[in-house]
Each structure stands twice: as C-alpha cells, then as structure tokens.
Amino acid sequence: MAELLELLKQSEQQRKEEKERYKEEKRQAEEQRMEERRQERELREKERQRYEEELRQKEEDRRREREEDCLHYEGLIRSLTEKKKD
C-alpha cells in the first residue's frame, strides 16, 4: 500500500513538473514571438525612414536642378537681349 501511495505521489509530482515545463515553454515561445515582432517593426521603420530620406533627397535634387535650369535660361535670355540691343 505504501508503495502505491509513493507511486501516486511520484506520478503527481511528474505531472506537476510537466505542467510547469509546458507553461515555461509556452511563455518562452510567446516572448520569442514578441521579440520577433518587435524586430520586424524596427526593420519596417528603418526601411520607411530610408525610403522617406531617398524621396527627400530626390526632391532636393530635382529642386536644385530646376534652379540651375532657371539660372541657365535667365543667362541665355539676358545674353540674347543684350545682343539685340547692340
């Protein structure tokens, strides 16, 4: 009888340990999923920032190019009007 009680206690202890192990594994898996999601968000944010910076740079390049074109054409117009006066 004592042996049966001991076996029952051992079985109960094993069940508790397995249950705790399962809970811990589940908790760790959830933490890992949360960390992966956080890293994915950070990566998307970096990509978004890089894309926005590229857009800003392209806009700045186009603006500078337009200014240069305007200055060039203003110079041409000025030189042509001065030649007509002569």
N, C-alpha and C. Protein backbone atom coordinates (compact mmCIF):
# COMPACT_ATOMS: atom_id res chain seq x y z
N MET A 1 0.82 -1.20 0.00
CA MET A 1 0.00 0.00 0.00
C MET A 1 0.86 1.26 0.00
N ALA A 2 1.91 1.21 0.81
CA ALA A 2 2.83 2.36 0.88
C ALA A 2 3.48 2.59 -0.48
N GLU A 3 3.77 1.51 -1.17
CA GLU A 3 4.38 1.63 -2.50
C GLU A 3 3.43 2.31 -3.47
N LEU A 4 2.16 1.96 -3.40
CA LEU A 4 1.17 2.58 -4.27
C LEU A 4 1.05 4.08 -3.99
N LEU A 5 1.05 4.43 -2.72
CA LEU A 5 1.00 5.85 -2.35
C LEU A 5 2.24 6.58 -2.87
N GLU A 6 3.38 5.95 -2.75
CA GLU A 6 4.62 6.55 -3.23
C GLU A 6 4.58 6.72 -4.75
N LEU A 7 4.11 5.70 -5.46
CA LEU A 7 3.98 5.80 -6.91
C LEU A 7 3.00 6.90 -7.30
N LEU A 8 1.91 6.99 -6.56
CA LEU A 8 0.92 8.04 -6.82
C LEU A 8 1.53 9.42 -6.60
N LYS A 9 2.29 9.59 -5.54
CA LYS A 9 2.95 10.87 -5.27
C LYS A 9 3.95 11.22 -6.37
N GLN A 10 4.71 10.22 -6.79
CA GLN A 10 5.70 10.44 -7.85
C GLN A 10 5.01 10.84 -9.16
N SER A 11 3.92 10.12 -9.45
CA SER A 11 3.17 10.41 -10.66
C SER A 11 2.60 11.83 -10.62
N GLU A 12 2.07 12.20 -9.48
CA GLU A 12 1.52 13.54 -9.31
C GLU A 12 2.63 14.59 -9.44
N GLN A 13 3.78 14.31 -8.87
CA GLN A 13 4.90 15.25 -8.95
C GLN A 13 5.37 15.39 -10.40
N GLN A 14 5.45 14.28 -11.12
CA GLN A 14 5.85 14.32 -12.53
C GLN A 14 4.85 15.14 -13.35
N ARG A 15 3.57 14.94 -13.07
CA ARG A 15 2.54 15.69 -13.79
C ARG A 15 2.69 17.19 -13.53
N LYS A 16 2.94 17.55 -12.28
CA LYS A 16 3.12 18.96 -11.95
C LYS A 16 4.36 19.54 -12.65
N GLU A 17 5.43 18.75 -12.66
CA GLU A 17 6.66 19.22 -13.32
C GLU A 17 6.44 19.39 -14.82
N GLU A 18 5.74 18.44 -15.43
CA GLU A 18 5.46 18.54 -16.85
C GLU A 18 4.58 19.76 -17.15
N LYS A 19 3.61 19.99 -16.29
CA LYS A 19 2.72 21.14 -16.46
C LYS A 19 3.52 22.44 -16.35
N GLU A 20 4.41 22.53 -15.38
CA GLU A 20 5.25 23.72 -15.22
C GLU A 20 6.19 23.89 -16.42
N ARG A 21 6.76 22.79 -16.88
CA ARG A 21 7.65 22.82 -18.04
C ARG A 21 6.89 23.33 -19.28
N TYR A 22 5.67 22.83 -19.44
CA TYR A 22 4.83 23.25 -20.56
C TYR A 22 4.54 24.75 -20.47
N LYS A 23 4.19 25.23 -19.28
CA LYS A 23 3.92 26.65 -19.09
C LYS A 23 5.15 27.49 -19.41
N GLU A 24 6.30 27.04 -18.96
CA GLU A 24 7.55 27.77 -19.20
C GLU A 24 7.87 27.79 -20.70
N GLU A 25 7.72 26.67 -21.37
CA GLU A 25 7.97 26.62 -22.81
C GLU A 25 7.01 27.55 -23.55
N LYS A 26 5.77 27.54 -23.13
CA LYS A 26 4.77 28.40 -23.76
C LYS A 26 5.12 29.88 -23.54
N ARG A 27 5.54 30.23 -22.33
CA ARG A 27 5.93 31.60 -22.00
C ARG A 27 7.14 32.02 -22.84
N GLN A 28 8.13 31.14 -22.94
CA GLN A 28 9.32 31.45 -23.73
C GLN A 28 8.98 31.62 -25.21
N ALA A 29 8.10 30.77 -25.72
CA ALA A 29 7.69 30.87 -27.12
C ALA A 29 6.98 32.20 -27.37
N GLU A 30 6.14 32.61 -26.44
CA GLU A 30 5.44 33.89 -26.57
C GLU A 30 6.43 35.05 -26.53
N GLU A 31 7.39 34.98 -25.63
CA GLU A 31 8.41 36.03 -25.57
C GLU A 31 9.20 36.10 -26.87
N GLN A 32 9.51 34.96 -27.42
CA GLN A 32 10.25 34.91 -28.68
C GLN A 32 9.41 35.52 -29.81
N ARG A 33 8.13 35.19 -29.86
CA ARG A 33 7.25 35.77 -30.89
C ARG A 33 7.17 37.29 -30.74
N MET A 34 7.07 37.75 -29.49
CA MET A 34 7.00 39.19 -29.25
C MET A 34 8.31 39.87 -29.69
N GLU A 35 9.43 39.25 -29.40
CA GLU A 35 10.72 39.80 -29.80
C GLU A 35 10.86 39.84 -31.33
N GLU A 36 10.42 38.77 -31.98
CA GLU A 36 10.46 38.74 -33.44
C GLU A 36 9.59 39.84 -34.03
N ARG A 37 8.40 40.02 -33.46
CA ARG A 37 7.51 41.09 -33.95
C ARG A 37 8.15 42.46 -33.74
N ARG A 38 8.78 42.66 -32.60
CA ARG A 38 9.45 43.93 -32.31
C ARG A 38 10.56 44.19 -33.33
N GLN A 39 11.34 43.16 -33.61
CA GLN A 39 12.42 43.31 -34.58
C GLN A 39 11.87 43.60 -35.98
N GLU A 40 10.78 42.94 -36.34
CA GLU A 40 10.16 43.19 -37.64
C GLU A 40 9.66 44.63 -37.73
N ARG A 41 9.05 45.14 -36.64
CA ARG A 41 8.58 46.53 -36.62
C ARG A 41 9.76 47.50 -36.78
N GLU A 42 10.84 47.21 -36.07
CA GLU A 42 12.02 48.07 -36.18
C GLU A 42 12.57 48.07 -37.60
N LEU A 43 12.61 46.90 -38.21
CA LEU A 43 13.10 46.80 -39.58
C LEU A 43 12.21 47.57 -40.54
N ARG A 44 10.89 47.43 -40.39
CA ARG A 44 9.97 48.17 -41.25
C ARG A 44 10.13 49.67 -41.05
N GLU A 45 10.33 50.09 -39.81
CA GLU A 45 10.51 51.52 -39.53
C GLU A 45 11.80 52.04 -40.16
N LYS A 46 12.86 51.27 -40.08
CA LYS A 46 14.12 51.68 -40.72
C LYS A 46 13.95 51.77 -42.23
N GLU A 47 13.26 50.80 -42.80
CA GLU A 47 13.02 50.83 -44.25
C GLU A 47 12.18 52.05 -44.64
N ARG A 48 11.17 52.34 -43.85
CA ARG A 48 10.32 53.50 -44.12
C ARG A 48 11.15 54.78 -44.04
N GLN A 49 11.98 54.89 -43.03
CA GLN A 49 12.82 56.08 -42.88
C GLN A 49 13.79 56.21 -44.06
N ARG A 50 14.38 55.09 -44.46
CA ARG A 50 15.31 55.11 -45.60
C ARG A 50 14.58 55.55 -46.87
N TYR A 51 13.39 55.02 -47.09
CA TYR A 51 12.59 55.38 -48.26
C TYR A 51 12.25 56.87 -48.23
N GLU A 52 11.82 57.37 -47.08
CA GLU A 52 11.47 58.79 -46.98
C GLU A 52 12.69 59.67 -47.21
N GLU A 53 13.84 59.24 -46.72
CA GLU A 53 15.07 60.02 -46.94
C GLU A 53 15.43 60.02 -48.42
N GLU A 54 15.27 58.90 -49.09
CA GLU A 54 15.53 58.85 -50.53
C GLU A 54 14.59 59.80 -51.28
N LEU A 55 13.32 59.80 -50.89
CA LEU A 55 12.36 60.71 -51.52
C LEU A 55 12.76 62.17 -51.30
N ARG A 56 13.13 62.51 -50.07
CA ARG A 56 13.56 63.88 -49.78
C ARG A 56 14.77 64.26 -50.62
N GLN A 57 15.70 63.34 -50.73
CA GLN A 57 16.91 63.61 -51.49
C GLN A 57 16.58 63.81 -52.98
N LYS A 58 15.69 62.99 -53.51
CA LYS A 58 15.30 63.13 -54.91
C LYS A 58 14.60 64.46 -55.14
N GLU A 59 13.71 64.84 -54.22
CA GLU A 59 13.03 66.13 -54.34
C GLU A 59 14.03 67.27 -54.30
N GLU A 60 14.99 67.18 -53.40
CA GLU A 60 16.01 68.22 -53.29
C GLU A 60 16.85 68.28 -54.57
N ASP A 61 17.20 67.13 -55.12
CA ASP A 61 17.96 67.10 -56.37
C ASP A 61 17.16 67.73 -57.51
N ARG A 62 15.87 67.42 -57.60
CA ARG A 62 15.03 68.00 -58.66
C ARG A 62 14.90 69.51 -58.48
N ARG A 63 14.73 69.95 -57.25
CA ARG A 63 14.62 71.39 -56.98
C ARG A 63 15.90 72.10 -57.38
N ARG A 64 17.04 71.54 -57.00
CA ARG A 64 18.33 72.13 -57.35
C ARG A 64 18.52 72.17 -58.87
N GLU A 65 18.12 71.09 -59.53
CA GLU A 65 18.23 71.03 -60.99
C GLU A 65 17.35 72.09 -61.65
N ARG A 66 16.13 72.28 -61.14
CA ARG A 66 15.24 73.31 -61.68
C ARG A 66 15.84 74.70 -61.49
N GLU A 67 16.42 74.94 -60.33
CA GLU A 67 17.05 76.23 -60.07
C GLU A 67 18.20 76.47 -61.04
N GLU A 68 19.01 75.44 -61.23
CA GLU A 68 20.13 75.56 -62.17
C GLU A 68 19.62 75.83 -63.58
N ASP A 69 18.56 75.12 -63.98
CA ASP A 69 17.99 75.35 -65.31
C ASP A 69 17.48 76.79 -65.44
N CYS A 70 16.80 77.26 -64.41
CA CYS A 70 16.29 78.64 -64.45
C CYS A 70 17.43 79.64 -64.58
N LEU A 71 18.47 79.45 -63.81
CA LEU A 71 19.61 80.36 -63.90
C LEU A 71 20.25 80.31 -65.29
N HIS A 72 20.36 79.12 -65.82
CA HIS A 72 20.93 78.96 -67.16
C HIS A 72 20.09 79.70 -68.20
N TYR A 73 18.77 79.48 -68.16
CA TYR A 73 17.90 80.12 -69.15
C TYR A 73 17.83 81.63 -68.93
N GLU A 74 17.87 82.07 -67.69
CA GLU A 74 17.90 83.52 -67.44
C GLU A 74 19.16 84.12 -68.05
N GLY A 75 20.28 83.42 -67.91
CA GLY A 75 21.54 83.90 -68.51
C GLY A 75 21.45 83.95 -70.03
N LEU A 76 20.85 82.93 -70.62
CA LEU A 76 20.68 82.91 -72.07
C LEU A 76 19.80 84.06 -72.53
N ILE A 77 18.70 84.26 -71.86
CA ILE A 77 17.78 85.34 -72.22
C ILE A 77 18.49 86.68 -72.09
N ARG A 78 19.21 86.87 -71.01
CA ARG A 78 19.94 88.12 -70.80
C ARG A 78 20.95 88.36 -71.92
N SER A 79 21.71 87.30 -72.26
CA SER A 79 22.72 87.48 -73.30
C SER A 79 22.07 87.75 -74.65
N LEU A 80 20.95 87.12 -74.95
CA LEU A 80 20.26 87.36 -76.23
C LEU A 80 19.68 88.77 -76.28
N THR A 81 19.09 89.21 -75.18
CA THR A 81 18.52 90.56 -75.18
C THR A 81 19.61 91.62 -75.26
N GLU A 82 20.76 91.34 -74.66
CA GLU A 82 21.86 92.30 -74.76
C GLU A 82 22.42 92.34 -76.18
N LYS A 83 22.46 91.21 -76.86
CA LYS A 83 22.94 91.17 -78.25
C LYS A 83 21.99 91.93 -79.16
N LYS A 84 20.68 91.84 -78.89
CA LYS A 84 19.71 92.55 -79.72
C LYS A 84 19.87 94.06 -79.57
N LYS A 85 20.22 94.50 -78.36
CA LYS A 85 20.38 95.92 -78.11
C LYS A 85 21.59 96.47 -78.88
N ASP A 86 22.59 95.65 -79.09
CA ASP A 86 23.80 96.10 -79.78
C ASP A 86 23.60 96.16 -81.23
